[in-house]
Structure formats: structure tokens, C-alpha cells
Amino acid sequence: MESAILSLLGGGLGIALASGALQGIRTLGSTNVPFIREATIDGSALAFTCGLSLLTALVVSLAPALRWE
């Protein structure tokens, strides 16, 4: 459970940082770049991040249990 909470918090922090960075890029971006103002974080990026966070939690949780000694 601890690894699930940590990985999901990490994924949420990554999404928050990406959103802030995207806002900065849109503000400071060149007007020569087409569609820079319409750039967003879409649902597939969010789903990928959540899925990767859950996969990370699973691998980190199971790694000690599967360790051979």
C-alpha cells in the first residue's frame, strides 16, 4: 500500500509539473511555432501516467516477494 501511495503521488506531482511547464511554454513560446497556444495535456497522457504509476507500484511491491535467496 505504501508503494502505491508513493507512486501515485509521484505521478500526480509529475502531472502538476508538466501542467506548469506547459503553461510556461505557452506563455514564453515563440509566436512562430504553429499551434503553441493550443497545446494541452490530453487524456491519453493522463491515462499513460496513471497506468505507469500503478505498474511501478506493482513492480516495487512484488520485487521483494519474488527475490530468491
N, C-alpha and C. Protein backbone atom coordinates (compact mmCIF):
# COMPACT_ATOMS: atom_id res chain seq x y z
N MET A 1 0.81 -1.19 0.00
CA MET A 1 0.00 0.00 0.00
C MET A 1 0.86 1.26 0.00
N GLU A 2 1.95 1.21 0.74
CA GLU A 2 2.84 2.36 0.80
C GLU A 2 3.42 2.70 -0.57
N SER A 3 3.83 1.68 -1.30
CA SER A 3 4.40 1.94 -2.62
C SER A 3 3.35 2.46 -3.59
N ALA A 4 2.11 2.01 -3.45
CA ALA A 4 1.04 2.52 -4.32
C ALA A 4 0.80 4.00 -4.05
N ILE A 5 0.77 4.38 -2.78
CA ILE A 5 0.55 5.78 -2.44
C ILE A 5 1.70 6.64 -2.95
N LEU A 6 2.93 6.17 -2.73
CA LEU A 6 4.09 6.94 -3.18
C LEU A 6 4.15 7.07 -4.69
N SER A 7 3.86 5.99 -5.41
CA SER A 7 3.94 6.07 -6.87
C SER A 7 2.82 6.94 -7.44
N LEU A 8 1.62 6.87 -6.86
CA LEU A 8 0.54 7.72 -7.34
C LEU A 8 0.78 9.19 -7.00
N LEU A 9 1.37 9.44 -5.85
CA LEU A 9 1.74 10.83 -5.52
C LEU A 9 2.81 11.34 -6.48
N GLY A 10 3.76 10.48 -6.82
CA GLY A 10 4.79 10.86 -7.79
C GLY A 10 4.20 11.13 -9.16
N GLY A 11 3.26 10.30 -9.58
CA GLY A 11 2.59 10.54 -10.86
C GLY A 11 1.80 11.83 -10.85
N GLY A 12 1.11 12.10 -9.74
CA GLY A 12 0.36 13.35 -9.62
C GLY A 12 1.26 14.57 -9.64
N LEU A 13 2.40 14.45 -8.97
CA LEU A 13 3.36 15.55 -8.98
C LEU A 13 3.93 15.77 -10.38
N GLY A 14 4.17 14.68 -11.09
CA GLY A 14 4.65 14.79 -12.47
C GLY A 14 3.64 15.47 -13.38
N ILE A 15 2.37 15.15 -13.19
CA ILE A 15 1.31 15.79 -13.99
C ILE A 15 1.23 17.28 -13.66
N ALA A 16 1.33 17.60 -12.37
CA ALA A 16 1.29 19.01 -11.96
C ALA A 16 2.47 19.79 -12.53
N LEU A 17 3.66 19.20 -12.48
CA LEU A 17 4.83 19.86 -13.04
C LEU A 17 4.71 20.02 -14.56
N ALA A 18 4.18 19.00 -15.22
CA ALA A 18 4.01 19.09 -16.67
C ALA A 18 3.00 20.18 -17.03
N SER A 19 1.96 20.29 -16.24
CA SER A 19 0.96 21.33 -16.50
C SER A 19 1.57 22.73 -16.32
N GLY A 20 2.35 22.89 -15.26
CA GLY A 20 3.01 24.18 -15.05
C GLY A 20 4.02 24.50 -16.13
N ALA A 21 4.78 23.50 -16.54
CA ALA A 21 5.77 23.71 -17.60
C ALA A 21 5.08 24.05 -18.92
N LEU A 22 3.97 23.40 -19.20
CA LEU A 22 3.24 23.68 -20.43
C LEU A 22 2.70 25.09 -20.42
N GLN A 23 2.22 25.53 -19.27
CA GLN A 23 1.74 26.90 -19.14
C GLN A 23 2.87 27.90 -19.42
N GLY A 24 4.06 27.62 -18.87
CA GLY A 24 5.21 28.48 -19.12
C GLY A 24 5.64 28.48 -20.56
N ILE A 25 5.62 27.32 -21.18
CA ILE A 25 6.00 27.22 -22.59
C ILE A 25 5.02 28.00 -23.46
N ARG A 26 3.73 27.88 -23.15
CA ARG A 26 2.74 28.64 -23.93
C ARG A 26 2.92 30.13 -23.75
N THR A 27 3.26 30.56 -22.54
CA THR A 27 3.44 31.99 -22.27
C THR A 27 4.70 32.53 -22.92
N LEU A 28 5.79 31.80 -22.78
CA LEU A 28 7.08 32.28 -23.27
C LEU A 28 7.41 31.81 -24.68
N GLY A 29 6.61 30.94 -25.23
CA GLY A 29 6.89 30.35 -26.53
C GLY A 29 6.86 31.35 -27.67
N SER A 30 7.58 31.01 -28.67
CA SER A 30 7.65 31.85 -29.86
C SER A 30 6.32 31.84 -30.60
N THR A 31 6.00 32.95 -31.18
CA THR A 31 4.77 33.01 -31.98
C THR A 31 4.96 32.34 -33.34
N ASN A 32 6.19 31.97 -33.67
CA ASN A 32 6.47 31.30 -34.94
C ASN A 32 6.12 29.82 -34.90
N VAL A 33 5.95 29.26 -33.69
CA VAL A 33 5.63 27.84 -33.58
C VAL A 33 4.12 27.68 -33.77
N PRO A 34 3.72 26.91 -34.79
CA PRO A 34 2.29 26.77 -35.04
C PRO A 34 1.58 26.03 -33.89
N PHE A 35 0.42 26.48 -33.53
CA PHE A 35 -0.47 25.85 -32.55
C PHE A 35 0.13 25.75 -31.14
N ILE A 36 1.12 26.58 -30.81
CA ILE A 36 1.72 26.52 -29.46
C ILE A 36 0.69 26.89 -28.40
N ARG A 37 -0.21 27.79 -28.72
CA ARG A 37 -1.20 28.24 -27.74
C ARG A 37 -2.27 27.18 -27.48
N GLU A 38 -2.45 26.23 -28.38
CA GLU A 38 -3.48 25.20 -28.23
C GLU A 38 -2.93 23.91 -27.61
N ALA A 39 -1.66 23.89 -27.24
CA ALA A 39 -1.06 22.68 -26.67
C ALA A 39 -1.68 22.39 -25.31
N THR A 40 -2.04 21.12 -25.08
CA THR A 40 -2.65 20.71 -23.81
C THR A 40 -2.12 19.34 -23.41
N ILE A 41 -2.41 18.96 -22.19
CA ILE A 41 -2.15 17.60 -21.71
C ILE A 41 -3.47 16.85 -21.90
N ASP A 42 -3.48 15.89 -22.81
CA ASP A 42 -4.74 15.22 -23.13
C ASP A 42 -4.97 13.99 -22.25
N GLY A 43 -6.09 13.37 -22.45
CA GLY A 43 -6.49 12.22 -21.65
C GLY A 43 -5.58 11.02 -21.81
N SER A 44 -5.01 10.83 -22.99
CA SER A 44 -4.12 9.68 -23.18
C SER A 44 -2.82 9.86 -22.39
N ALA A 45 -2.35 11.08 -22.27
CA ALA A 45 -1.15 11.33 -21.46
C ALA A 45 -1.45 11.09 -19.98
N LEU A 46 -2.62 11.51 -19.53
CA LEU A 46 -3.01 11.27 -18.14
C LEU A 46 -3.20 9.78 -17.87
N ALA A 47 -3.83 9.06 -18.80
CA ALA A 47 -4.03 7.62 -18.63
C ALA A 47 -2.69 6.89 -18.61
N PHE A 48 -1.76 7.29 -19.48
CA PHE A 48 -0.45 6.67 -19.51
C PHE A 48 0.29 6.90 -18.19
N THR A 49 0.22 8.11 -17.66
CA THR A 49 0.89 8.43 -16.40
C THR A 49 0.29 7.64 -15.24
N CYS A 50 -1.02 7.54 -15.18
CA CYS A 50 -1.67 6.76 -14.12
C CYS A 50 -1.33 5.28 -14.24
N GLY A 51 -1.36 4.77 -15.45
CA GLY A 51 -1.02 3.36 -15.67
C GLY A 51 0.42 3.06 -15.30
N LEU A 52 1.32 3.94 -15.67
CA LEU A 52 2.73 3.75 -15.35
C LEU A 52 2.96 3.84 -13.84
N SER A 53 2.23 4.71 -13.17
CA SER A 53 2.34 4.81 -11.71
C SER A 53 1.86 3.53 -11.04
N LEU A 54 0.76 2.99 -11.51
CA LEU A 54 0.26 1.73 -10.94
C LEU A 54 1.18 0.56 -11.24
N LEU A 55 1.74 0.52 -12.44
CA LEU A 55 2.70 -0.53 -12.78
C LEU A 55 3.95 -0.43 -11.91
N THR A 56 4.41 0.77 -11.68
CA THR A 56 5.56 0.99 -10.81
C THR A 56 5.27 0.49 -9.39
N ALA A 57 4.09 0.79 -8.88
CA ALA A 57 3.71 0.34 -7.54
C ALA A 57 3.68 -1.19 -7.49
N LEU A 58 3.17 -1.82 -8.53
CA LEU A 58 3.11 -3.28 -8.56
C LEU A 58 4.50 -3.90 -8.59
N VAL A 59 5.36 -3.39 -9.43
CA VAL A 59 6.72 -3.94 -9.54
C VAL A 59 7.50 -3.73 -8.26
N VAL A 60 7.40 -2.54 -7.68
CA VAL A 60 8.14 -2.25 -6.45
C VAL A 60 7.62 -3.09 -5.29
N SER A 61 6.32 -3.34 -5.26
CA SER A 61 5.74 -4.14 -4.19
C SER A 61 6.08 -5.61 -4.32
N LEU A 62 6.11 -6.10 -5.54
CA LEU A 62 6.35 -7.54 -5.74
C LEU A 62 7.83 -7.91 -5.78
N ALA A 63 8.69 -6.97 -6.03
CA ALA A 63 10.11 -7.27 -6.15
C ALA A 63 10.67 -7.94 -4.90
N PRO A 64 10.40 -7.46 -3.70
CA PRO A 64 10.92 -8.14 -2.51
C PRO A 64 10.32 -9.54 -2.31
N ALA A 65 9.05 -9.72 -2.71
CA ALA A 65 8.42 -11.01 -2.52
C ALA A 65 8.98 -12.06 -3.48
N LEU A 66 9.41 -11.65 -4.65
CA LEU A 66 9.92 -12.58 -5.65
C LEU A 66 11.43 -12.80 -5.57
N ARG A 67 12.05 -12.16 -4.63
CA ARG A 67 13.50 -12.25 -4.51
C ARG A 67 13.92 -13.66 -4.06
N TRP A 68 14.86 -14.25 -4.76
CA TRP A 68 15.33 -15.60 -4.44
C TRP A 68 16.54 -15.52 -3.53
N GLU A 69 16.50 -16.30 -2.50
CA GLU A 69 17.67 -16.35 -1.60
C GLU A 69 18.06 -17.78 -1.35
